[in-house]
Amino acid sequence: MSLPAKRRKFDLEEEQSVEGYIHSVSPIKTSKNNNRYFNAVVQESDKFTDLVSYKADLHEQMEDMEKKK
């Protein structure tokens, strides 16, 4: 039985720059702790990365980016 790969967590204060396409933006969801979040996928030139954002105010921007492929 293999162990799942470790997932990297990023410091929210540290700015991250990614160049790619946005796919599969989910509707805004609410966690058990009443935190609002959404999921998306970022397609870079060589890989796909799952994204979870707790900044619900970015949701509309992400949906727009997804449509402007």
PDB file of N, CA and C in Angstrom:
ATOM      1  N   MET A   1       0.844  -1.170   0.000  1.00  0.00           N
ATOM      2  CA  MET A   1       0.000   0.000   0.000  1.00  0.00           C
ATOM      3  C   MET A   1       0.893   1.239   0.000  1.00  0.00           C
ATOM      4  N   SER A   2       0.689   2.129  -0.958  1.00  0.00           N
ATOM      5  CA  SER A   2       1.518   3.330  -1.011  1.00  0.00           C
ATOM      6  C   SER A   2       0.824   4.484  -0.294  1.00  0.00           C
ATOM      7  N   LEU A   3       1.623   5.359   0.236  1.00  0.00           N
ATOM      8  CA  LEU A   3       1.100   6.524   0.931  1.00  0.00           C
ATOM      9  C   LEU A   3       0.802   7.637  -0.077  1.00  0.00           C
ATOM     10  N   PRO A   4      -0.228   8.437   0.185  1.00  0.00           N
ATOM     11  CA  PRO A   4      -0.508   9.541  -0.728  1.00  0.00           C
ATOM     12  C   PRO A   4       0.621  10.568  -0.691  1.00  0.00           C
ATOM     13  N   ALA A   5       0.823  11.236  -1.821  1.00  0.00           N
ATOM     14  CA  ALA A   5       1.864  12.262  -1.892  1.00  0.00           C
ATOM     15  C   ALA A   5       1.524  13.411  -0.950  1.00  0.00           C
ATOM     16  N   LYS A   6       2.553  13.998  -0.369  1.00  0.00           N
ATOM     17  CA  LYS A   6       2.318  15.138   0.509  1.00  0.00           C
ATOM     18  C   LYS A   6       1.835  16.315  -0.310  1.00  0.00           C
ATOM     19  N   ARG A   7       0.911  17.045   0.245  1.00  0.00           N
ATOM     20  CA  ARG A   7       0.402  18.234  -0.416  1.00  0.00           C
ATOM     21  C   ARG A   7       1.103  19.437   0.175  1.00  0.00           C
ATOM     22  N   ARG A   8       1.447  20.363  -0.689  1.00  0.00           N
ATOM     23  CA  ARG A   8       2.103  21.577  -0.210  1.00  0.00           C
ATOM     24  C   ARG A   8       1.060  22.586   0.228  1.00  0.00           C
ATOM     25  N   LYS A   9       1.323  23.230   1.320  1.00  0.00           N
ATOM     26  CA  LYS A   9       0.477  24.316   1.798  1.00  0.00           C
ATOM     27  C   LYS A   9       1.275  25.596   1.648  1.00  0.00           C
ATOM     28  N   PHE A  10       0.612  26.626   1.191  1.00  0.00           N
ATOM     29  CA  PHE A  10       1.293  27.889   0.976  1.00  0.00           C
ATOM     30  C   PHE A  10       0.905  28.877   2.050  1.00  0.00           C
ATOM     31  N   ASP A  11       1.856  29.680   2.440  1.00  0.00           N
ATOM     32  CA  ASP A  11       1.623  30.749   3.395  1.00  0.00           C
ATOM     33  C   ASP A  11       0.715  31.780   2.738  1.00  0.00           C
ATOM     34  N   LEU A  12      -0.388  32.125   3.374  1.00  0.00           N
ATOM     35  CA  LEU A  12      -1.332  33.065   2.796  1.00  0.00           C
ATOM     36  C   LEU A  12      -0.729  34.449   2.607  1.00  0.00           C
ATOM     37  N   GLU A  13       0.281  34.783   3.363  1.00  0.00           N
ATOM     38  CA  GLU A  13       0.925  36.087   3.238  1.00  0.00           C
ATOM     39  C   GLU A  13       1.911  36.115   2.072  1.00  0.00           C
ATOM     40  N   GLU A  14       2.349  34.953   1.621  1.00  0.00           N
ATOM     41  CA  GLU A  14       3.326  34.878   0.547  1.00  0.00           C
ATOM     42  C   GLU A  14       2.600  34.893  -0.797  1.00  0.00           C
ATOM     43  N   GLU A  15       2.980  35.810  -1.665  1.00  0.00           N
ATOM     44  CA  GLU A  15       2.343  35.917  -2.971  1.00  0.00           C
ATOM     45  C   GLU A  15       2.870  34.822  -3.891  1.00  0.00           C
ATOM     46  N   GLN A  16       1.955  34.146  -4.561  1.00  0.00           N
ATOM     47  CA  GLN A  16       2.315  33.079  -5.486  1.00  0.00           C
ATOM     48  C   GLN A  16       1.917  33.496  -6.894  1.00  0.00           C
ATOM     49  N   SER A  17       2.788  33.269  -7.846  1.00  0.00           N
ATOM     50  CA  SER A  17       2.498  33.607  -9.230  1.00  0.00           C
ATOM     51  C   SER A  17       2.461  32.322 -10.051  1.00  0.00           C
ATOM     52  N   VAL A  18       1.363  32.143 -10.787  1.00  0.00           N
ATOM     53  CA  VAL A  18       1.189  30.955 -11.613  1.00  0.00           C
ATOM     54  C   VAL A  18       0.702  31.414 -12.974  1.00  0.00           C
ATOM     55  N   GLU A  19       1.244  30.823 -14.029  1.00  0.00           N
ATOM     56  CA  GLU A  19       0.798  31.145 -15.378  1.00  0.00           C
ATOM     57  C   GLU A  19       0.164  29.900 -15.974  1.00  0.00           C
ATOM     58  N   GLY A  20      -1.100  30.018 -16.363  1.00  0.00           N
ATOM     59  CA  GLY A  20      -1.789  28.866 -16.922  1.00  0.00           C
ATOM     60  C   GLY A  20      -3.254  29.152 -17.132  1.00  0.00           C
ATOM     61  N   TYR A  21      -4.028  28.097 -17.290  1.00  0.00           N
ATOM     62  CA  TYR A  21      -5.457  28.189 -17.530  1.00  0.00           C
ATOM     63  C   TYR A  21      -6.225  27.682 -16.306  1.00  0.00           C
ATOM     64  N   ILE A  22      -7.406  28.254 -16.086  1.00  0.00           N
ATOM     65  CA  ILE A  22      -8.273  27.851 -14.976  1.00  0.00           C
ATOM     66  C   ILE A  22      -9.377  26.957 -15.524  1.00  0.00           C
ATOM     67  N   HIS A  23      -9.618  25.838 -14.869  1.00  0.00           N
ATOM     68  CA  HIS A  23     -10.662  24.881 -15.256  1.00  0.00           C
ATOM     69  C   HIS A  23     -11.480  24.483 -14.030  1.00  0.00           C
ATOM     70  N   SER A  24     -12.667  23.980 -14.264  1.00  0.00           N
ATOM     71  CA  SER A  24     -13.482  23.299 -13.252  1.00  0.00           C
ATOM     72  C   SER A  24     -13.693  24.108 -11.975  1.00  0.00           C
ATOM     73  N   VAL A  25     -14.067  25.367 -12.116  1.00  0.00           N
ATOM     74  CA  VAL A  25     -14.358  26.191 -10.942  1.00  0.00           C
ATOM     75  C   VAL A  25     -15.682  25.707 -10.349  1.00  0.00           C
ATOM     76  N   SER A  26     -15.644  25.293  -9.097  1.00  0.00           N
ATOM     77  CA  SER A  26     -16.841  24.759  -8.438  1.00  0.00           C
ATOM     78  C   SER A  26     -17.711  25.898  -7.915  1.00  0.00           C
ATOM     79  N   PRO A  27     -18.952  25.608  -7.595  1.00  0.00           N
ATOM     80  CA  PRO A  27     -19.763  26.597  -6.877  1.00  0.00           C
ATOM     81  C   PRO A  27     -19.151  26.851  -5.500  1.00  0.00           C
ATOM     82  N   ILE A  28     -19.489  27.966  -4.886  1.00  0.00           N
ATOM     83  CA  ILE A  28     -19.009  28.244  -3.528  1.00  0.00           C
ATOM     84  C   ILE A  28     -19.677  27.264  -2.575  1.00  0.00           C
ATOM     85  N   LYS A  29     -18.860  26.662  -1.727  1.00  0.00           N
ATOM     86  CA  LYS A  29     -19.343  25.682  -0.758  1.00  0.00           C
ATOM     87  C   LYS A  29     -19.116  26.226   0.649  1.00  0.00           C
ATOM     88  N   THR A  30     -19.752  25.613   1.627  1.00  0.00           N
ATOM     89  CA  THR A  30     -19.554  25.988   3.032  1.00  0.00           C
ATOM     90  C   THR A  30     -19.102  24.753   3.796  1.00  0.00           C
ATOM     91  N   SER A  31     -17.991  24.891   4.510  1.00  0.00           N
ATOM     92  CA  SER A  31     -17.456  23.768   5.279  1.00  0.00           C
ATOM     93  C   SER A  31     -18.254  23.558   6.560  1.00  0.00           C
ATOM     94  N   LYS A  32     -17.917  22.489   7.272  1.00  0.00           N
ATOM     95  CA  LYS A  32     -18.570  22.208   8.555  1.00  0.00           C
ATOM     96  C   LYS A  32     -18.325  23.323   9.562  1.00  0.00           C
ATOM     97  N   ASN A  33     -17.221  24.053   9.378  1.00  0.00           N
ATOM     98  CA  ASN A  33     -16.876  25.162  10.279  1.00  0.00           C
ATOM     99  C   ASN A  33     -17.403  26.499   9.767  1.00  0.00           C
ATOM    100  N   ASN A  34     -18.318  26.449   8.808  1.00  0.00           N
ATOM    101  CA  ASN A  34     -18.916  27.642   8.196  1.00  0.00           C
ATOM    102  C   ASN A  34     -17.919  28.523   7.455  1.00  0.00           C
ATOM    103  N   ASN A  35     -16.852  27.928   6.928  1.00  0.00           N
ATOM    104  CA  ASN A  35     -15.917  28.651   6.068  1.00  0.00           C
ATOM    105  C   ASN A  35     -16.372  28.481   4.619  1.00  0.00           C
ATOM    106  N   ARG A  36     -16.428  29.572   3.887  1.00  0.00           N
ATOM    107  CA  ARG A  36     -16.811  29.506   2.478  1.00  0.00           C
ATOM    108  C   ARG A  36     -15.564  29.260   1.637  1.00  0.00           C
ATOM    109  N   TYR A  37     -15.676  28.375   0.631  1.00  0.00           N
ATOM    110  CA  TYR A  37     -14.537  28.059  -0.216  1.00  0.00           C
ATOM    111  C   TYR A  37     -15.017  27.556  -1.566  1.00  0.00           C
ATOM    112  N   PHE A  38     -14.091  27.474  -2.519  1.00  0.00           N
ATOM    113  CA  PHE A  38     -14.386  26.847  -3.803  1.00  0.00           C
ATOM    114  C   PHE A  38     -13.123  26.154  -4.300  1.00  0.00           C
ATOM    115  N   ASN A  39     -13.306  25.243  -5.240  1.00  0.00           N
ATOM    116  CA  ASN A  39     -12.208  24.489  -5.828  1.00  0.00           C
ATOM    117  C   ASN A  39     -12.060  24.883  -7.294  1.00  0.00           C
ATOM    118  N   ALA A  40     -10.875  24.662  -7.827  1.00  0.00           N
ATOM    119  CA  ALA A  40     -10.612  24.862  -9.246  1.00  0.00           C
ATOM    120  C   ALA A  40      -9.374  24.048  -9.606  1.00  0.00           C
ATOM    121  N   VAL A  41      -9.071  23.999 -10.887  1.00  0.00           N
ATOM    122  CA  VAL A  41      -7.869  23.330 -11.367  1.00  0.00           C
ATOM    123  C   VAL A  41      -7.082  24.343 -12.185  1.00  0.00           C
ATOM    124  N   VAL A  42      -5.774  24.419 -11.951  1.00  0.00           N
ATOM    125  CA  VAL A  42      -4.887  25.280 -12.722  1.00  0.00           C
ATOM    126  C   VAL A  42      -4.081  24.395 -13.660  1.00  0.00           C
ATOM    127  N   GLN A  43      -4.143  24.689 -14.971  1.00  0.00           N
ATOM    128  CA  GLN A  43      -3.368  23.953 -15.967  1.00  0.00           C
ATOM    129  C   GLN A  43      -2.162  24.796 -16.347  1.00  0.00           C
ATOM    130  N   GLU A  44      -0.981  24.332 -15.949  1.00  0.00           N
ATOM    131  CA  GLU A  44       0.264  24.985 -16.345  1.00  0.00           C
ATOM    132  C   GLU A  44       0.799  24.244 -17.566  1.00  0.00           C
ATOM    133  N   SER A  45       1.912  24.676 -18.104  1.00  0.00           N
ATOM    134  CA  SER A  45       2.434  24.070 -19.325  1.00  0.00           C
ATOM    135  C   SER A  45       2.786  22.595 -19.161  1.00  0.00           C
ATOM    136  N   ASP A  46       3.133  22.195 -17.934  1.00  0.00           N
ATOM    137  CA  ASP A  46       3.590  20.821 -17.731  1.00  0.00           C
ATOM    138  C   ASP A  46       2.817  20.028 -16.684  1.00  0.00           C
ATOM    139  N   LYS A  47       1.788  20.648 -16.072  1.00  0.00           N
ATOM    140  CA  LYS A  47       1.064  19.910 -15.025  1.00  0.00           C
ATOM    141  C   LYS A  47      -0.281  20.563 -14.729  1.00  0.00           C
ATOM    142  N   PHE A  48      -1.119  19.812 -14.029  1.00  0.00           N
ATOM    143  CA  PHE A  48      -2.400  20.293 -13.521  1.00  0.00           C
ATOM    144  C   PHE A  48      -2.302  20.320 -12.003  1.00  0.00           C
ATOM    145  N   THR A  49      -2.838  21.384 -11.379  1.00  0.00           N
ATOM    146  CA  THR A  49      -2.777  21.519  -9.929  1.00  0.00           C
ATOM    147  C   THR A  49      -4.164  21.834  -9.389  1.00  0.00           C
ATOM    148  N   ASP A  50      -4.600  21.072  -8.386  1.00  0.00           N
ATOM    149  CA  ASP A  50      -5.871  21.347  -7.724  1.00  0.00           C
ATOM    150  C   ASP A  50      -5.704  22.560  -6.824  1.00  0.00           C
ATOM    151  N   LEU A  51      -6.730  23.393  -6.782  1.00  0.00           N
ATOM    152  CA  LEU A  51      -6.694  24.635  -6.024  1.00  0.00           C
ATOM    153  C   LEU A  51      -7.900  24.691  -5.106  1.00  0.00           C
ATOM    154  N   VAL A  52      -7.685  25.116  -3.875  1.00  0.00           N
ATOM    155  CA  VAL A  52      -8.778  25.394  -2.939  1.00  0.00           C
ATOM    156  C   VAL A  52      -8.584  26.830  -2.483  1.00  0.00           C
ATOM    157  N   SER A  53      -9.611  27.658  -2.638  1.00  0.00           N
ATOM    158  CA  SER A  53      -9.529  29.050  -2.220  1.00  0.00           C
ATOM    159  C   SER A  53     -10.589  29.339  -1.169  1.00  0.00           C
ATOM    160  N   TYR A  54     -10.151  29.960  -0.090  1.00  0.00           N
ATOM    161  CA  TYR A  54     -11.069  30.385   0.968  1.00  0.00           C
ATOM    162  C   TYR A  54     -11.428  31.856   0.810  1.00  0.00           C
ATOM    163  N   LYS A  55     -11.046  32.445  -0.306  1.00  0.00           N
ATOM    164  CA  LYS A  55     -11.402  33.830  -0.616  1.00  0.00           C
ATOM    165  C   LYS A  55     -12.568  33.800  -1.587  1.00  0.00           C
ATOM    166  N   ALA A  56     -13.751  33.699  -1.047  1.00  0.00           N
ATOM    167  CA  ALA A  56     -14.952  33.554  -1.877  1.00  0.00           C
ATOM    168  C   ALA A  56     -15.143  34.743  -2.801  1.00  0.00           C
ATOM    169  N   ASP A  57     -14.590  35.908  -2.460  1.00  0.00           N
ATOM    170  CA  ASP A  57     -14.720  37.072  -3.324  1.00  0.00           C
ATOM    171  C   ASP A  57     -13.936  36.921  -4.636  1.00  0.00           C
ATOM    172  N   LEU A  58     -13.022  35.955  -4.716  1.00  0.00           N
ATOM    173  CA  LEU A  58     -12.292  35.676  -5.956  1.00  0.00           C
ATOM    174  C   LEU A  58     -13.052  34.737  -6.884  1.00  0.00           C
ATOM    175  N   HIS A  59     -14.135  34.172  -6.404  1.00  0.00           N
ATOM    176  CA  HIS A  59     -14.875  33.168  -7.170  1.00  0.00           C
ATOM    177  C   HIS A  59     -15.320  33.698  -8.531  1.00  0.00           C
ATOM    178  N   GLU A  60     -15.913  34.867  -8.561  1.00  0.00           N
ATOM    179  CA  GLU A  60     -16.412  35.428  -9.815  1.00  0.00           C
ATOM    180  C   GLU A  60     -15.266  35.679 -10.803  1.00  0.00           C
ATOM    181  N   GLN A  61     -14.132  36.165 -10.300  1.00  0.00           N
ATOM    182  CA  GLN A  61     -12.967  36.383 -11.165  1.00  0.00           C
ATOM    183  C   GLN A  61     -12.474  35.070 -11.759  1.00  0.00           C
ATOM    184  N   MET A  62     -12.446  34.035 -10.946  1.00  0.00           N
ATOM    185  CA  MET A  62     -11.997  32.722 -11.427  1.00  0.00           C
ATOM    186  C   MET A  62     -12.948  32.177 -12.489  1.00  0.00           C
ATOM    187  N   GLU A  63     -14.246  32.354 -12.281  1.00  0.00           N
ATOM    188  CA  GLU A  63     -15.213  31.915 -13.292  1.00  0.00           C
ATOM    189  C   GLU A  63     -15.006  32.670 -14.595  1.00  0.00           C
ATOM    190  N   ASP A  64     -14.742  33.974 -14.524  1.00  0.00           N
ATOM    191  CA  ASP A  64     -14.466  34.749 -15.731  1.00  0.00           C
ATOM    192  C   ASP A  64     -13.217  34.266 -16.433  1.00  0.00           C
ATOM    193  N   MET A  65     -12.161  33.970 -15.667  1.00  0.00           N
ATOM    194  CA  MET A  65     -10.923  33.459 -16.250  1.00  0.00           C
ATOM    195  C   MET A  65     -11.158  32.112 -16.931  1.00  0.00           C
ATOM    196  N   GLU A  66     -12.003  31.290 -16.332  1.00  0.00           N
ATOM    197  CA  GLU A  66     -12.298  29.974 -16.906  1.00  0.00           C
ATOM    198  C   GLU A  66     -12.973  30.131 -18.265  1.00  0.00           C
ATOM    199  N   LYS A  67     -13.848  31.119 -18.415  1.00  0.00           N
ATOM    200  CA  LYS A  67     -14.585  31.330 -19.661  1.00  0.00           C
ATOM    201  C   LYS A  67     -13.719  31.945 -20.761  1.00  0.00           C
ATOM    202  N   LYS A  68     -12.652  32.668 -20.383  1.00  0.00           N
ATOM    203  CA  LYS A  68     -11.809  33.374 -21.342  1.00  0.00           C
ATOM    204  C   LYS A  68     -10.614  32.545 -21.779  1.00  0.00           C
ATOM    205  N   LYS A  69     -10.791  31.289 -22.064  1.00  0.00           N
ATOM    206  CA  LYS A  69      -9.686  30.398 -22.449  1.00  0.00           C
ATOM    207  C   LYS A  69      -9.011  30.894 -23.682  1.00  0.00           C
TER     208      LYS A  69
END
